[in-house]
Amino acid sequence: MKKKYTVEADEVPAEVEITSETKEYVPQYLVNRPKIDKATQAFLNKVREQMIDEINLSTEEFVNESELEAVKKKFKNKAEEIINEEIPDLDKESKKIVVGNLLHEMLGLGDIEILLRDNNLEEIVINSSEEPVWAYHKKYGWLKTDLQVEDEDKIQNYASIIGRRVGKQISNLHPLLDAHLPSGDRTNATISPISTKGNTITIRKFAREPWTITDFIENDTINSEVAALLWLAIQYEMNIIVSGGTGSGKTSLLNVLTPFIPPNHRIISIEDTREIRLPEFLHWVPLTTREPNPEGEGGVSMLDLLVNSLRMRPDRMIVGEIRRKEEARVLFEAMHTGHSVYSTLHADTAEQTIRRLVNPPINVPKTLVEAVDLNVVMYRDRRENIRRVMELSEVVTDFIGEEADVEPNILYKWRSNQDEIVKNQDSRKLFDKLNLHAGLTKEELKESIENRKKILNWMVKNEINTVDKVGKVIAEFYEDNKRVSHLVKDDANPEEILNLG
């Protein structure tokens, strides 16, 4: 296996090569970047010291993401000014590389900045200065890079830089750091002796180009029939919980489903970190939690935001993850008072999803759990490095004597031996509820699902794969579904007809 592509970080280009043609037991991620000779490095050290003396930064400039861009520009201009004075004959490309390296060293994480700019990576891990940096690639899984942090102090310094950006600190007194960066990336750091091999940093990268439903159909994470059913359910305000294990793609699936929400509905999203991204034209208010300051003040919890959001007249509520009893109670009460709710939950199967909801610590009464209309279970096959919709089920109530119980009725199931999502059971609840909401017969509902399936396949065929473009096709469908259906039937050009440029 050998794969090459180019990544650029602050105008410093690097060629990435992923190869299994080495003596390592895992594929390697090799970074070929412009080398800086010893003389130039000595000069850079001199420039760095001069810039530290001449540029003073306020805390606000360093912490605020938008201010940080202005700071980078300030540093860049000053560095260019010094270089022009000291080495006026340096060519333009070399100057860019020298300045970019300065920015990485002074404001960033050194060579790790190249990995942060690689949109193919999901996770970047520093385990200690004794071993190379690791990276998790969307396609190839864990890779061992040829980058290595020179010493433990450098790793701790990088952790401190990350902490300062969000007003936190890591030290012997506070050896653990968990931070959501303004960019959306989530960072965890530990320092020795808590981590006995050495200091560690784990960065889970926020997707700059989010997945869309067409991506998920194209890579077989979901099929167009299940996607069409979920589209119909979301249009008519069914409540949906997406569950799955760690890294199975719960939030990603929730994100790709949100463009199915009609444009005339007010959406409130509540997350610990901004991961949800909706089409820009939707009526959407994103809210995020805030941790308390070192004095224990100023914290804003998920429960605080949930309670507050109910006073903001939402039509739809998107909640990052159900974790605690109090949050779940408010969420399920919102369902019962007519709000359409979408959330995620850590559970491996549809049956386990219900068990987790009705048992401690979440402990939601069974009479409230039946408000969930659909449960989508995501699965990650680590060996094949694929993610799949494993189950789509409805939550139904059964009576054993006079005792009511809730259980899943699995409508679709993934068959691993065929790598195919197939129909498993007929609906016992969903179509009756859709009939009540939409006023359509079962035959009309099936016809509507088939029509949406064709639209989704047409979008896949025409490579409509950005959040805004997918959202616009769906919005056009809500505006005039007959027109869009005819365009799809005639295999029309989306760029010309729907003005998607």
Protein backbone atom coordinates (compact mmCIF):
# COMPACT_ATOMS: atom_id res chain seq x y z
CA MET A 1 0.00 0.00 0.00
CA LYS A 2 1.25 3.47 -0.90
CA LYS A 3 -0.72 6.72 -0.97
CA LYS A 4 0.56 10.29 -1.46
CA TYR A 5 -1.08 13.70 -1.10
CA THR A 6 -0.16 17.26 -0.15
CA VAL A 7 -1.02 19.19 3.02
CA GLU A 8 -0.31 22.87 3.66
CA ALA A 9 -0.06 24.56 7.06
CA ASP A 10 0.46 28.35 7.17
CA GLU A 11 1.94 28.24 3.64
CA VAL A 12 4.39 25.48 4.61
CA PRO A 13 3.77 22.64 2.12
CA ALA A 14 4.30 19.00 3.03
CA GLU A 15 3.93 15.82 1.02
CA VAL A 16 2.31 13.03 3.03
CA GLU A 17 3.05 9.42 2.16
CA ILE A 18 1.12 6.58 3.75
CA THR A 19 2.87 3.27 3.22
CA SER A 20 2.90 -0.27 4.54
CA GLU A 21 6.15 -1.01 2.70
CA THR A 22 8.26 -0.75 5.86
CA LYS A 23 9.41 -3.08 8.62
CA GLU A 24 6.80 -1.62 10.98
CA TYR A 25 3.80 -3.71 12.03
CA VAL A 26 1.42 -0.84 11.21
CA PRO A 27 1.33 1.49 8.17
CA GLN A 28 3.49 4.61 8.43
CA TYR A 29 2.54 8.24 7.90
CA LEU A 30 5.63 9.93 6.46
CA VAL A 31 5.88 13.73 6.24
CA ASN A 32 8.22 15.15 3.62
CA ARG A 33 8.54 18.86 4.35
CA PRO A 34 11.09 21.55 3.46
CA LYS A 35 14.21 21.15 5.57
CA ILE A 36 15.81 24.05 7.41
CA ASP A 37 19.61 23.98 7.66
CA LYS A 38 21.47 24.73 10.90
CA ALA A 39 22.44 28.25 9.83
CA THR A 40 18.83 29.15 9.02
CA GLN A 41 17.65 27.56 12.28
CA ALA A 42 20.13 29.70 14.23
CA PHE A 43 18.79 32.77 12.41
CA LEU A 44 15.20 31.72 13.24
CA ASN A 45 16.11 31.51 16.92
CA LYS A 46 17.42 35.07 16.73
CA VAL A 47 14.23 36.26 14.96
CA ARG A 48 12.11 34.48 17.56
CA GLU A 49 13.82 36.27 20.44
CA GLN A 50 13.47 39.64 18.70
CA MET A 51 9.75 39.05 18.09
CA ILE A 52 9.16 38.05 21.72
CA ASP A 53 10.78 41.32 22.79
CA GLU A 54 8.84 43.48 20.31
CA ILE A 55 5.33 41.94 20.27
CA ASN A 56 3.21 41.97 23.42
CA LEU A 57 0.05 39.84 23.48
CA SER A 58 -2.98 40.32 25.68
CA THR A 59 -4.77 37.30 27.16
CA GLU A 60 -7.80 38.05 24.98
CA GLU A 61 -5.69 37.98 21.82
CA PHE A 62 -4.23 34.61 22.71
CA VAL A 63 -7.45 32.95 23.89
CA ASN A 64 -9.98 34.19 21.33
CA GLU A 65 -9.91 32.21 18.06
CA SER A 66 -10.82 35.19 15.88
CA GLU A 67 -8.20 37.32 17.68
CA LEU A 68 -5.66 34.54 17.22
CA GLU A 69 -5.88 34.93 13.45
CA ALA A 70 -5.09 38.64 13.85
CA VAL A 71 -2.17 37.71 16.11
CA LYS A 72 -0.84 35.34 13.44
CA LYS A 73 -1.02 38.16 10.91
CA LYS A 74 0.82 40.48 13.32
CA PHE A 75 3.55 37.87 13.84
CA LYS A 76 3.77 37.14 10.14
CA ASN A 77 4.20 40.82 9.22
CA LYS A 78 6.86 41.33 11.90
CA ALA A 79 8.76 38.20 10.85
CA GLU A 80 8.73 39.27 7.19
CA GLU A 81 9.97 42.71 8.18
CA ILE A 82 12.96 41.25 10.11
CA ILE A 83 13.77 38.71 7.37
CA ASN A 84 13.65 41.40 4.67
CA GLU A 85 16.17 43.41 6.66
CA GLU A 86 18.48 40.52 7.52
CA ILE A 87 18.23 38.36 4.37
CA PRO A 88 16.90 40.63 1.57
CA ASP A 89 17.89 38.13 -1.16
CA LEU A 90 15.81 35.25 0.23
CA ASP A 91 13.34 34.04 -2.44
CA LYS A 92 9.58 34.32 -1.89
CA GLU A 93 8.85 30.60 -1.39
CA SER A 94 11.69 30.16 1.12
CA LYS A 95 10.49 33.22 3.00
CA LYS A 96 6.98 31.72 3.30
CA ILE A 97 8.42 28.48 4.67
CA VAL A 98 10.65 30.27 7.19
CA VAL A 99 7.75 32.47 8.39
CA GLY A 100 5.37 29.48 8.56
CA ASN A 101 7.83 27.52 10.68
CA LEU A 102 8.18 30.49 13.02
CA LEU A 103 4.40 30.66 13.44
CA HIS A 104 4.24 26.92 14.18
CA GLU A 105 6.96 27.16 16.82
CA MET A 106 5.80 30.37 18.50
CA LEU A 107 2.00 30.12 18.33
CA GLY A 108 1.37 26.47 17.57
CA LEU A 109 2.52 22.90 18.12
CA GLY A 110 5.53 22.78 15.81
CA ASP A 111 5.44 20.03 13.17
CA ILE A 112 2.16 18.74 14.68
CA GLU A 113 0.51 21.70 12.89
CA ILE A 114 0.92 19.77 9.63
CA LEU A 115 -1.11 16.87 11.05
CA LEU A 116 -3.75 19.30 12.34
CA ARG A 117 -4.23 20.60 8.78
CA ASP A 118 -4.70 17.10 7.32
CA ASN A 119 -8.48 16.71 6.99
CA ASN A 120 -8.05 12.95 6.52
CA LEU A 121 -7.00 12.56 10.16
CA GLU A 122 -9.47 12.15 13.02
CA GLU A 123 -7.09 11.80 15.94
CA ILE A 124 -3.51 12.85 16.74
CA VAL A 125 -1.72 11.26 19.70
CA ILE A 126 1.56 12.01 21.47
CA ASN A 127 2.34 9.21 23.95
CA SER A 128 5.77 10.45 25.07
CA SER A 129 8.99 11.87 23.65
CA GLU A 130 10.38 8.32 23.42
CA GLU A 131 8.13 7.24 20.56
CA PRO A 132 6.75 8.70 17.32
CA VAL A 133 3.48 10.63 17.13
CA TRP A 134 0.50 8.45 16.14
CA ALA A 135 -2.44 9.51 13.93
CA TYR A 136 -5.84 7.95 13.20
CA HIS A 137 -6.69 8.18 9.49
CA LYS A 138 -10.32 8.06 8.28
CA LYS A 139 -9.47 5.37 5.71
CA TYR A 140 -6.40 3.55 7.05
CA GLY A 141 -6.93 3.62 10.83
CA TRP A 142 -3.97 4.01 13.21
CA LEU A 143 -0.71 5.10 11.57
CA LYS A 144 2.75 5.64 13.07
CA THR A 145 4.18 8.96 11.87
CA ASP A 146 7.83 9.86 11.39
CA LEU A 147 7.37 12.91 13.65
CA GLN A 148 8.65 12.84 17.22
CA VAL A 149 8.61 15.52 19.93
CA GLU A 150 12.16 16.10 21.09
CA ASP A 151 11.65 16.00 24.88
CA GLU A 152 9.05 15.84 27.67
CA ASP A 153 9.30 19.56 28.41
CA LYS A 154 8.27 20.31 24.83
CA ILE A 155 5.16 18.12 25.18
CA GLN A 156 4.22 19.84 28.44
CA ASN A 157 4.79 23.22 26.78
CA TYR A 158 2.42 22.25 23.94
CA ALA A 159 -0.17 21.16 26.53
CA SER A 160 0.24 24.52 28.30
CA ILE A 161 -0.25 26.40 25.02
CA ILE A 162 -3.47 24.46 24.41
CA GLY A 163 -4.66 25.10 27.98
CA ARG A 164 -3.99 28.85 27.80
CA ARG A 165 -6.15 29.14 24.70
CA VAL A 166 -9.17 28.10 26.74
CA GLY A 167 -8.16 29.68 30.05
CA LYS A 168 -6.95 26.44 31.69
CA GLN A 169 -3.66 25.26 33.08
CA ILE A 170 -1.83 21.97 33.38
CA SER A 171 0.80 21.54 36.12
CA ASN A 172 1.99 19.11 38.78
CA LEU A 173 -0.93 20.30 40.91
CA HIS A 174 -3.37 19.93 37.99
CA PRO A 175 -1.86 17.11 35.89
CA LEU A 176 -4.95 16.44 33.74
CA LEU A 177 -6.31 18.73 31.02
CA ASP A 178 -9.53 18.27 29.05
CA ALA A 179 -10.19 21.16 26.72
CA HIS A 180 -12.46 22.01 23.81
CA LEU A 181 -10.55 24.41 21.61
CA PRO A 182 -12.27 27.34 19.86
CA SER A 183 -11.65 25.48 16.57
CA GLY A 184 -13.85 22.62 17.85
CA ASP A 185 -10.96 20.19 18.33
CA ARG A 186 -11.09 18.32 21.63
CA THR A 187 -7.79 17.94 23.49
CA ASN A 188 -6.80 15.79 26.44
CA ALA A 189 -3.38 16.00 28.08
CA THR A 190 -1.68 14.25 30.99
CA ILE A 191 1.74 14.85 32.48
CA SER A 192 4.22 12.63 34.29
CA PRO A 193 4.12 10.97 36.77
CA ILE A 194 0.35 10.51 36.24
CA SER A 195 1.21 9.06 32.80
CA THR A 196 4.19 6.89 33.67
CA LYS A 197 5.77 6.60 30.20
CA GLY A 198 5.82 10.37 29.69
CA ASN A 199 3.63 13.37 28.96
CA THR A 200 0.71 12.78 26.59
CA ILE A 201 -1.53 14.82 24.29
CA THR A 202 -4.60 13.44 22.48
CA ILE A 203 -6.34 15.66 19.94
CA ARG A 204 -9.68 14.60 18.46
CA LYS A 205 -10.10 16.75 15.38
CA PHE A 206 -13.32 18.55 14.55
CA ALA A 207 -14.40 17.81 10.97
CA ARG A 208 -13.82 20.94 8.85
CA GLU A 209 -15.86 19.46 5.99
CA PRO A 210 -18.69 17.55 7.69
CA TRP A 211 -20.11 14.37 6.24
CA THR A 212 -23.42 14.56 4.39
CA ILE A 213 -26.15 11.99 3.79
CA THR A 214 -24.87 11.53 0.23
CA ASP A 215 -21.39 10.67 1.58
CA PHE A 216 -22.95 8.13 3.93
CA ILE A 217 -24.94 6.51 1.11
CA GLU A 218 -21.94 6.46 -1.22
CA ASN A 219 -19.66 4.78 1.33
CA ASP A 220 -22.40 2.31 2.38
CA THR A 221 -22.73 3.60 5.95
CA ILE A 222 -26.47 3.78 5.26
CA ASN A 223 -28.60 2.90 2.25
CA SER A 224 -30.96 5.25 0.46
CA GLU A 225 -34.08 3.36 1.63
CA VAL A 226 -33.29 3.78 5.34
CA ALA A 227 -32.16 7.37 4.71
CA ALA A 228 -35.46 8.09 2.93
CA LEU A 229 -37.46 6.67 5.85
CA LEU A 230 -35.50 8.83 8.30
CA TRP A 231 -36.07 11.87 6.06
CA LEU A 232 -39.83 11.28 6.18
CA ALA A 233 -39.74 10.74 9.95
CA ILE A 234 -37.79 13.98 10.51
CA GLN A 235 -40.07 15.99 8.24
CA TYR A 236 -43.08 14.91 10.32
CA GLU A 237 -41.40 15.58 13.69
CA MET A 238 -40.67 12.09 14.95
CA ASN A 239 -38.25 11.84 17.91
CA ILE A 240 -34.98 10.04 17.12
CA ILE A 241 -32.11 8.77 19.27
CA VAL A 242 -28.84 7.72 17.62
CA SER A 243 -26.87 5.23 19.69
CA GLY A 244 -23.62 3.33 19.28
CA GLY A 245 -20.22 2.68 20.80
CA THR A 246 -17.25 5.03 21.06
CA GLY A 247 -16.17 6.33 17.65
CA SER A 248 -19.05 4.57 15.86
CA GLY A 249 -20.24 7.79 14.18
CA LYS A 250 -23.24 8.73 16.35
CA THR A 251 -22.71 12.49 16.11
CA SER A 252 -21.74 12.24 12.43
CA LEU A 253 -25.03 10.49 11.62
CA LEU A 254 -27.00 13.00 13.69
CA ASN A 255 -25.26 15.75 11.72
CA VAL A 256 -26.06 14.27 8.30
CA LEU A 257 -29.75 13.90 9.23
CA THR A 258 -30.27 17.51 10.37
CA PRO A 259 -30.64 19.03 6.85
CA PHE A 260 -33.91 17.05 6.63
CA ILE A 261 -35.45 19.56 9.07
CA PRO A 262 -37.79 21.98 7.21
CA PRO A 263 -36.40 25.55 6.87
CA ASN A 264 -39.41 27.13 8.60
CA HIS A 265 -38.70 25.38 11.92
CA ARG A 266 -36.65 26.93 14.74
CA ILE A 267 -33.81 24.64 15.84
CA ILE A 268 -31.91 24.80 19.14
CA SER A 269 -28.80 22.61 19.45
CA ILE A 270 -27.09 21.91 22.79
CA GLU A 271 -23.58 20.43 22.89
CA ASP A 272 -20.45 20.30 25.01
CA THR A 273 -18.49 21.15 21.86
CA ARG A 274 -19.80 22.54 18.57
CA GLU A 275 -19.88 19.48 16.30
CA ILE A 276 -23.29 19.90 14.68
CA ARG A 277 -23.25 21.94 11.50
CA LEU A 278 -26.49 22.80 9.72
CA PRO A 279 -27.11 24.46 6.34
CA GLU A 280 -26.54 28.19 6.76
CA PHE A 281 -30.10 29.16 5.76
CA LEU A 282 -31.83 27.15 8.51
CA HIS A 283 -33.32 28.90 11.57
CA TRP A 284 -30.73 27.58 14.01
CA VAL A 285 -29.42 28.69 17.42
CA PRO A 286 -26.38 26.64 18.59
CA LEU A 287 -25.69 26.57 22.35
CA THR A 288 -22.63 25.10 24.07
CA THR A 289 -21.87 24.32 27.70
CA ARG A 290 -19.14 26.09 29.67
CA GLU A 291 -17.00 24.68 32.44
CA PRO A 292 -16.60 26.69 35.67
CA ASN A 293 -13.50 28.80 36.23
CA PRO A 294 -10.79 27.72 38.74
CA GLU A 295 -12.89 29.30 41.52
CA GLY A 296 -15.82 27.06 40.57
CA GLU A 297 -17.93 29.90 39.13
CA GLY A 298 -19.45 30.67 35.76
CA GLY A 299 -20.19 27.09 34.68
CA VAL A 300 -23.12 26.45 32.33
CA SER A 301 -24.27 22.81 32.23
CA MET A 302 -26.21 20.80 29.69
CA LEU A 303 -29.17 20.86 32.10
CA ASP A 304 -29.00 24.68 32.34
CA LEU A 305 -29.12 24.94 28.54
CA LEU A 306 -31.90 22.37 28.22
CA VAL A 307 -34.14 24.18 30.67
CA ASN A 308 -33.34 27.54 29.09
CA SER A 309 -33.90 26.30 25.53
CA LEU A 310 -37.50 25.38 26.33
CA ARG A 311 -38.10 29.12 26.88
CA MET A 312 -36.72 29.91 23.41
CA ARG A 313 -39.70 28.50 21.51
CA PRO A 314 -37.89 25.69 19.69
CA ASP A 315 -39.63 23.49 17.13
CA ARG A 316 -36.70 21.08 17.10
CA MET A 317 -34.09 20.32 19.77
CA ILE A 318 -30.76 18.64 19.07
CA VAL A 319 -28.89 17.45 22.17
CA GLY A 320 -25.28 16.22 21.92
CA GLU A 321 -25.56 13.23 24.27
CA ILE A 322 -27.85 11.92 27.00
CA ARG A 323 -25.68 11.20 30.05
CA ARG A 324 -27.53 12.02 33.27
CA LYS A 325 -30.92 11.46 34.84
CA GLU A 326 -31.81 15.17 35.15
CA GLU A 327 -30.94 15.92 31.51
CA ALA A 328 -32.88 12.88 30.30
CA ARG A 329 -35.97 13.85 32.32
CA VAL A 330 -36.05 17.34 30.80
CA LEU A 331 -35.43 15.93 27.32
CA PHE A 332 -38.23 13.37 27.54
CA GLU A 333 -40.62 15.89 29.05
CA ALA A 334 -39.84 18.09 26.03
CA MET A 335 -40.83 15.20 23.75
CA HIS A 336 -44.10 14.77 25.62
CA THR A 337 -44.89 18.48 25.38
CA GLY A 338 -44.71 18.44 21.58
CA HIS A 339 -41.07 19.29 20.85
CA SER A 340 -39.25 17.20 18.27
CA VAL A 341 -36.01 15.93 19.82
CA TYR A 342 -32.85 14.33 18.42
CA SER A 343 -30.01 13.10 20.59
CA THR A 344 -27.27 10.49 20.96
CA LEU A 345 -26.66 7.81 23.58
CA HIS A 346 -23.79 5.44 24.29
CA ALA A 347 -25.27 1.95 23.68
CA ASP A 348 -24.31 -0.89 21.34
CA THR A 349 -27.74 -2.24 20.32
CA ALA A 350 -31.38 -1.14 20.18
CA GLU A 351 -32.18 -3.39 23.15
CA GLN A 352 -29.27 -1.96 25.13
CA THR A 353 -30.43 1.58 24.29
CA ILE A 354 -33.75 0.99 26.02
CA ARG A 355 -32.07 -0.77 28.97
CA ARG A 356 -29.71 2.19 29.46
CA LEU A 357 -32.60 4.66 29.35
CA VAL A 358 -34.84 2.88 31.87
CA ASN A 359 -32.12 1.80 34.34
CA PRO A 360 -29.78 3.81 36.59
CA PRO A 361 -28.05 6.19 36.25
CA ILE A 362 -30.38 7.62 33.56
CA ASN A 363 -33.51 5.94 34.94
CA VAL A 364 -36.23 7.41 32.68
CA PRO A 365 -39.74 6.06 33.40
CA LYS A 366 -40.94 3.59 30.76
CA THR A 367 -44.01 5.75 30.15
CA LEU A 368 -41.67 8.53 28.95
CA VAL A 369 -39.33 6.33 26.89
CA GLU A 370 -42.13 5.38 24.52
CA ALA A 371 -41.97 8.98 23.25
CA VAL A 372 -38.90 7.91 21.23
CA ASP A 373 -40.15 7.04 17.77
CA LEU A 374 -36.96 5.73 16.16
CA ASN A 375 -33.59 4.51 17.37
CA VAL A 376 -30.67 4.28 14.92
CA VAL A 377 -27.74 2.17 16.14
CA MET A 378 -24.31 2.86 14.65
CA TYR A 379 -21.55 0.25 14.52
CA ARG A 380 -17.84 0.55 13.88
CA ASP A 381 -15.93 -2.45 12.51
CA ARG A 382 -12.38 -1.70 13.67
CA ARG A 383 -10.84 -4.54 11.66
CA GLU A 384 -12.27 -3.31 8.35
CA ASN A 385 -12.31 0.34 9.52
CA ILE A 386 -15.90 0.89 8.39
CA ARG A 387 -18.97 2.39 10.08
CA ARG A 388 -22.47 1.12 9.43
CA VAL A 389 -26.07 1.73 10.51
CA MET A 390 -26.45 -1.59 12.33
CA GLU A 391 -30.11 -1.32 13.38
CA LEU A 392 -33.06 0.96 12.79
CA SER A 393 -35.81 0.25 15.27
CA GLU A 394 -38.99 1.77 16.62
CA VAL A 395 -39.72 1.84 20.33
CA VAL A 396 -42.99 0.02 21.06
CA THR A 397 -44.98 -0.74 24.20
CA ASP A 398 -45.98 -4.30 25.03
CA PHE A 399 -48.19 -5.46 27.89
CA ILE A 400 -47.36 -8.51 29.95
CA GLY A 401 -50.59 -8.89 31.88
CA GLU A 402 -51.23 -5.43 33.26
CA GLU A 403 -47.53 -4.49 33.26
CA ALA A 404 -46.42 -2.22 30.41
CA ASP A 405 -42.94 -2.74 28.95
CA VAL A 406 -41.01 -0.98 26.17
CA GLU A 407 -38.96 -2.87 23.63
CA PRO A 408 -37.40 -2.33 20.19
CA ASN A 409 -39.04 -3.48 17.00
CA ILE A 410 -36.10 -3.69 14.60
CA LEU A 411 -37.19 -2.51 11.15
CA TYR A 412 -33.81 -2.77 9.38
CA LYS A 413 -30.65 -4.67 10.27
CA TRP A 414 -27.10 -4.75 8.90
CA ARG A 415 -25.95 -8.19 7.73
CA SER A 416 -22.19 -8.21 8.19
CA ASN A 417 -21.53 -11.25 5.97
CA GLN A 418 -23.16 -9.45 3.01
CA ASP A 419 -22.27 -5.91 4.16
CA GLU A 420 -25.88 -4.97 3.45
CA ILE A 421 -28.70 -3.27 5.36
CA VAL A 422 -31.87 -5.34 4.92
CA LYS A 423 -35.48 -5.12 6.06
CA ASN A 424 -36.09 -7.10 9.24
CA GLN A 425 -39.65 -6.41 10.53
CA ASP A 426 -42.76 -4.48 9.50
CA SER A 427 -43.58 -1.33 11.46
CA ARG A 428 -45.98 -1.66 14.39
CA LYS A 429 -46.07 2.03 15.34
CA LEU A 430 -44.26 4.40 12.98
CA PHE A 431 -46.60 4.29 9.99
CA ASP A 432 -49.67 4.76 12.19
CA LYS A 433 -48.07 7.82 13.78
CA LEU A 434 -46.97 9.18 10.38
CA ASN A 435 -50.51 8.63 9.13
CA LEU A 436 -51.76 10.70 12.07
CA HIS A 437 -49.24 13.52 11.42
CA ALA A 438 -49.20 13.53 7.61
CA GLY A 439 -52.70 12.33 6.79
CA LEU A 440 -51.26 9.81 4.30
CA THR A 441 -52.22 6.17 3.86
CA LYS A 442 -49.61 3.43 4.20
CA GLU A 443 -49.44 3.13 0.42
CA GLU A 444 -48.92 6.90 0.05
CA LEU A 445 -46.22 6.81 2.72
CA LYS A 446 -44.41 3.99 0.93
CA GLU A 447 -44.66 5.92 -2.33
CA SER A 448 -43.26 9.02 -0.60
CA ILE A 449 -40.31 7.01 0.76
CA GLU A 450 -39.61 5.61 -2.72
CA ASN A 451 -39.67 9.14 -4.17
CA ARG A 452 -37.20 10.41 -1.54
CA LYS A 453 -35.00 7.41 -2.21
CA LYS A 454 -34.77 8.43 -5.87
CA ILE A 455 -33.88 12.01 -4.89
CA LEU A 456 -31.13 10.80 -2.57
CA ASN A 457 -29.68 8.50 -5.25
CA TRP A 458 -29.81 11.40 -7.74
CA MET A 459 -27.87 13.59 -5.29
CA VAL A 460 -25.26 10.85 -4.89
CA LYS A 461 -24.97 10.46 -8.67
CA ASN A 462 -24.55 14.22 -9.14
CA GLU A 463 -22.01 14.54 -6.29
CA ILE A 464 -24.13 16.93 -4.20
CA ASN A 465 -22.04 16.41 -1.09
CA THR A 466 -21.76 19.62 0.91
CA VAL A 467 -23.99 20.52 3.86
CA ASP A 468 -25.42 23.63 2.18
CA LYS A 469 -26.04 21.99 -1.21
CA VAL A 470 -27.74 18.94 0.30
CA GLY A 471 -29.79 21.28 2.49
CA LYS A 472 -30.80 23.38 -0.50
CA VAL A 473 -32.09 20.38 -2.47
CA ILE A 474 -34.17 19.32 0.54
CA ALA A 475 -35.44 22.88 1.08
CA GLU A 476 -36.42 23.04 -2.62
CA PHE A 477 -38.27 19.75 -2.15
CA TYR A 478 -40.26 21.22 0.74
CA GLU A 479 -40.98 24.29 -1.38
CA ASP A 480 -42.19 22.32 -4.44
CA ASN A 481 -41.83 18.56 -4.15
CA LYS A 482 -43.46 17.85 -7.52
CA ARG A 483 -40.96 20.07 -9.34
CA VAL A 484 -37.96 18.45 -7.65
CA SER A 485 -39.36 14.96 -8.25
CA HIS A 486 -39.80 15.73 -11.97
CA LEU A 487 -36.26 17.10 -12.21
CA VAL A 488 -34.92 13.93 -10.64
CA LYS A 489 -37.02 11.75 -12.93
CA ASP A 490 -35.64 13.64 -15.94
CA ASP A 491 -32.11 13.34 -14.49
CA ALA A 492 -31.73 17.13 -14.64
CA ASN A 493 -28.47 19.00 -14.02
CA PRO A 494 -28.67 20.22 -10.39
CA GLU A 495 -26.27 23.14 -10.88
CA GLU A 496 -28.43 24.68 -13.61
CA ILE A 497 -31.88 23.88 -12.26
CA LEU A 498 -31.48 24.39 -8.52
CA ASN A 499 -28.84 27.17 -8.63
CA LEU A 500 -26.49 25.27 -6.37
CA GLY A 501 -23.29 27.04 -7.45
